[in-house]
């Protein structure tokens, strides 16, 4: 994707958000950096927001990225993801732990050395 898509629907209407979620709040153990990957293809009878999530998560995306692309609050996206997780249409993956990432001091030293070249 080239950038956040702005859907045709009005994102700021609270009634619409209530209808999308069925009045439910987020209950899945997700946070904004949890990665989501599709495990199926969209079904023609799916809610449009569910289908959009399944389509866009062919490659791992974080909950925050999905929220931005759909222009929906993260809490609404988490409710939608809980539905998709329950139906096994998507898979949630933990982000890479900070301990597995390269040392920040080493990266800064390399950047400093490259600037001095």
C-alpha atoms as a PDB file:
ATOM      1  CA  UNK A   1       0.000   0.000   0.000  1.00  0.00           C
ATOM      2  CA  UNK A   2       1.216   3.489  -0.736  1.00  0.00           C
ATOM      3  CA  UNK A   3      -0.334   5.234   2.265  1.00  0.00           C
ATOM      4  CA  UNK A   4      -3.373   5.428   4.461  1.00  0.00           C
ATOM      5  CA  UNK A   5      -6.538   4.834   2.492  1.00  0.00           C
ATOM      6  CA  UNK A   6      -9.439   7.022   3.396  1.00  0.00           C
ATOM      7  CA  UNK A   7     -12.639   5.020   3.178  1.00  0.00           C
ATOM      8  CA  UNK A   8     -15.823   6.402   1.681  1.00  0.00           C
ATOM      9  CA  UNK A   9     -17.675   6.180   4.981  1.00  0.00           C
ATOM     10  CA  UNK A  10     -17.749   8.950   7.582  1.00  0.00           C
ATOM     11  CA  UNK A  11     -15.221   7.898  10.226  1.00  0.00           C
ATOM     12  CA  UNK A  12     -16.308  10.314  12.941  1.00  0.00           C
ATOM     13  CA  UNK A  13     -19.904   9.249  13.455  1.00  0.00           C
ATOM     14  CA  UNK A  14     -20.217   7.482  16.841  1.00  0.00           C
ATOM     15  CA  UNK A  15     -23.369   5.657  15.735  1.00  0.00           C
ATOM     16  CA  UNK A  16     -21.465   4.054  12.875  1.00  0.00           C
ATOM     17  CA  UNK A  17     -18.728   2.871  15.230  1.00  0.00           C
ATOM     18  CA  UNK A  18     -21.385   1.426  17.541  1.00  0.00           C
ATOM     19  CA  UNK A  19     -22.945  -0.471  14.634  1.00  0.00           C
ATOM     20  CA  UNK A  20     -19.569  -1.785  13.445  1.00  0.00           C
ATOM     21  CA  UNK A  21     -18.711  -3.175  16.887  1.00  0.00           C
ATOM     22  CA  UNK A  22     -22.212  -4.162  17.939  1.00  0.00           C
ATOM     23  CA  UNK A  23     -21.698  -2.047  21.044  1.00  0.00           C
ATOM     24  CA  UNK A  24     -18.869  -4.274  22.278  1.00  0.00           C
ATOM     25  CA  UNK A  25     -15.568  -3.122  23.682  1.00  0.00           C
ATOM     26  CA  UNK A  26     -12.151  -4.668  22.988  1.00  0.00           C
ATOM     27  CA  UNK A  27     -11.636  -7.946  24.850  1.00  0.00           C
ATOM     28  CA  UNK A  28      -8.841  -9.589  22.856  1.00  0.00           C
ATOM     29  CA  UNK A  29      -5.349  -9.584  24.403  1.00  0.00           C
ATOM     30  CA  UNK A  30      -3.980  -7.263  21.714  1.00  0.00           C
ATOM     31  CA  UNK A  31      -1.921  -4.127  21.892  1.00  0.00           C
ATOM     32  CA  UNK A  32      -0.978  -1.594  19.240  1.00  0.00           C
ATOM     33  CA  UNK A  33       2.208  -3.408  18.196  1.00  0.00           C
ATOM     34  CA  UNK A  34       0.689  -6.896  17.878  1.00  0.00           C
ATOM     35  CA  UNK A  35       1.191  -8.120  14.322  1.00  0.00           C
ATOM     36  CA  UNK A  36      -1.807  -9.459  12.415  1.00  0.00           C
ATOM     37  CA  UNK A  37      -1.588 -11.829   9.430  1.00  0.00           C
ATOM     38  CA  UNK A  38      -4.451 -13.194   7.316  1.00  0.00           C
ATOM     39  CA  UNK A  39      -5.092 -16.920   7.351  1.00  0.00           C
ATOM     40  CA  UNK A  40      -7.890 -16.879   4.766  1.00  0.00           C
ATOM     41  CA  UNK A  41      -9.414 -14.821   2.004  1.00  0.00           C
ATOM     42  CA  UNK A  42     -12.351 -12.455   2.457  1.00  0.00           C
ATOM     43  CA  UNK A  43     -15.801 -14.001   2.329  1.00  0.00           C
ATOM     44  CA  UNK A  44     -18.428 -12.099   0.272  1.00  0.00           C
ATOM     45  CA  UNK A  45     -20.834 -12.088   3.245  1.00  0.00           C
ATOM     46  CA  UNK A  46     -18.305 -10.525   5.635  1.00  0.00           C
ATOM     47  CA  UNK A  47     -18.769  -7.063   7.073  1.00  0.00           C
ATOM     48  CA  UNK A  48     -16.809  -4.626   4.833  1.00  0.00           C
ATOM     49  CA  UNK A  49     -14.371  -3.696   7.618  1.00  0.00           C
ATOM     50  CA  UNK A  50     -13.648  -7.368   8.360  1.00  0.00           C
ATOM     51  CA  UNK A  51     -13.025  -8.045   4.666  1.00  0.00           C
ATOM     52  CA  UNK A  52     -10.718  -5.019   4.424  1.00  0.00           C
ATOM     53  CA  UNK A  53      -8.631  -6.267   7.350  1.00  0.00           C
ATOM     54  CA  UNK A  54      -8.323  -9.763   5.874  1.00  0.00           C
ATOM     55  CA  UNK A  55      -7.282  -8.301   2.506  1.00  0.00           C
ATOM     56  CA  UNK A  56      -4.716  -5.845   3.881  1.00  0.00           C
ATOM     57  CA  UNK A  57      -3.070  -8.320   6.266  1.00  0.00           C
ATOM     58  CA  UNK A  58      -1.652 -10.580   3.576  1.00  0.00           C
ATOM     59  CA  UNK A  59       1.652  -9.378   5.027  1.00  0.00           C
ATOM     60  CA  UNK A  60       1.996  -8.699   8.774  1.00  0.00           C
ATOM     61  CA  UNK A  61       0.625  -5.352   9.918  1.00  0.00           C
ATOM     62  CA  UNK A  62       0.417  -3.987  13.437  1.00  0.00           C
ATOM     63  CA  UNK A  63      -2.907  -3.113  15.043  1.00  0.00           C
ATOM     64  CA  UNK A  64      -1.851   0.550  14.877  1.00  0.00           C
ATOM     65  CA  UNK A  65      -1.183   0.317  11.123  1.00  0.00           C
ATOM     66  CA  UNK A  66      -4.537  -1.361  10.491  1.00  0.00           C
ATOM     67  CA  UNK A  67      -6.229   1.369  12.506  1.00  0.00           C
ATOM     68  CA  UNK A  68      -4.498   4.054  10.438  1.00  0.00           C
ATOM     69  CA  UNK A  69      -5.273   2.425   7.082  1.00  0.00           C
ATOM     70  CA  UNK A  70      -8.947   1.998   7.969  1.00  0.00           C
ATOM     71  CA  UNK A  71      -9.166   5.432   9.641  1.00  0.00           C
ATOM     72  CA  UNK A  72     -10.880   3.795  12.618  1.00  0.00           C
ATOM     73  CA  UNK A  73     -10.041   4.082  16.326  1.00  0.00           C
ATOM     74  CA  UNK A  74      -7.727   1.339  17.596  1.00  0.00           C
ATOM     75  CA  UNK A  75     -10.387   0.183  20.071  1.00  0.00           C
ATOM     76  CA  UNK A  76     -12.812  -0.461  17.197  1.00  0.00           C
ATOM     77  CA  UNK A  77     -10.129  -2.289  15.213  1.00  0.00           C
ATOM     78  CA  UNK A  78      -9.397  -4.484  18.254  1.00  0.00           C
ATOM     79  CA  UNK A  79     -13.072  -5.511  18.416  1.00  0.00           C
ATOM     80  CA  UNK A  80     -13.031  -6.364  14.704  1.00  0.00           C
ATOM     81  CA  UNK A  81      -9.796  -8.321  15.143  1.00  0.00           C
ATOM     82  CA  UNK A  82     -11.290 -10.263  18.055  1.00  0.00           C
ATOM     83  CA  UNK A  83     -14.088 -11.376  15.712  1.00  0.00           C
ATOM     84  CA  UNK A  84     -11.596 -12.424  13.039  1.00  0.00           C
ATOM     85  CA  UNK A  85      -9.384 -14.211  15.573  1.00  0.00           C
ATOM     86  CA  UNK A  86     -12.390 -16.154  16.891  1.00  0.00           C
ATOM     87  CA  UNK A  87     -13.197 -17.268  13.335  1.00  0.00           C
ATOM     88  CA  UNK A  88      -9.498 -18.126  12.692  1.00  0.00           C
ATOM     89  CA  UNK A  89      -9.445 -15.758   9.697  1.00  0.00           C
ATOM     90  CA  UNK A  90      -6.388 -13.920  11.048  1.00  0.00           C
ATOM     91  CA  UNK A  91      -3.493 -14.795  13.306  1.00  0.00           C
ATOM     92  CA  UNK A  92      -1.961 -12.551  15.964  1.00  0.00           C
ATOM     93  CA  UNK A  93       1.796 -12.601  16.398  1.00  0.00           C
ATOM     94  CA  UNK A  94       3.796 -11.005  19.156  1.00  0.00           C
ATOM     95  CA  UNK A  95       6.165  -8.292  17.977  1.00  0.00           C
ATOM     96  CA  UNK A  96       9.907  -8.907  18.002  1.00  0.00           C
ATOM     97  CA  UNK A  97      11.088  -8.616  21.617  1.00  0.00           C
ATOM     98  CA  UNK A  98      13.404  -5.708  22.338  1.00  0.00           C
ATOM     99  CA  UNK A  99      16.123  -8.125  23.521  1.00  0.00           C
ATOM    100  CA  UNK A 100      16.295  -9.631  20.019  1.00  0.00           C
ATOM    101  CA  UNK A 101      16.887  -6.257  18.370  1.00  0.00           C
ATOM    102  CA  UNK A 102      20.401  -4.919  17.725  1.00  0.00           C
ATOM    103  CA  UNK A 103      22.017  -2.816  20.448  1.00  0.00           C
ATOM    104  CA  UNK A 104      21.116   0.856  19.954  1.00  0.00           C
ATOM    105  CA  UNK A 105      24.598   2.003  20.989  1.00  0.00           C
ATOM    106  CA  UNK A 106      26.168  -0.200  18.322  1.00  0.00           C
ATOM    107  CA  UNK A 107      23.843   1.216  15.651  1.00  0.00           C
ATOM    108  CA  UNK A 108      24.642   4.778  16.736  1.00  0.00           C
ATOM    109  CA  UNK A 109      28.382   4.029  16.600  1.00  0.00           C
ATOM    110  CA  UNK A 110      28.016   2.623  13.071  1.00  0.00           C
ATOM    111  CA  UNK A 111      25.999   5.671  11.957  1.00  0.00           C
ATOM    112  CA  UNK A 112      28.603   8.007  13.485  1.00  0.00           C
ATOM    113  CA  UNK A 113      31.400   6.104  11.727  1.00  0.00           C
ATOM    114  CA  UNK A 114      29.590   6.278   8.376  1.00  0.00           C
ATOM    115  CA  UNK A 115      29.078  10.026   8.715  1.00  0.00           C
ATOM    116  CA  UNK A 116      32.798  10.474   9.312  1.00  0.00           C
ATOM    117  CA  UNK A 117      33.719   8.732   6.054  1.00  0.00           C
END
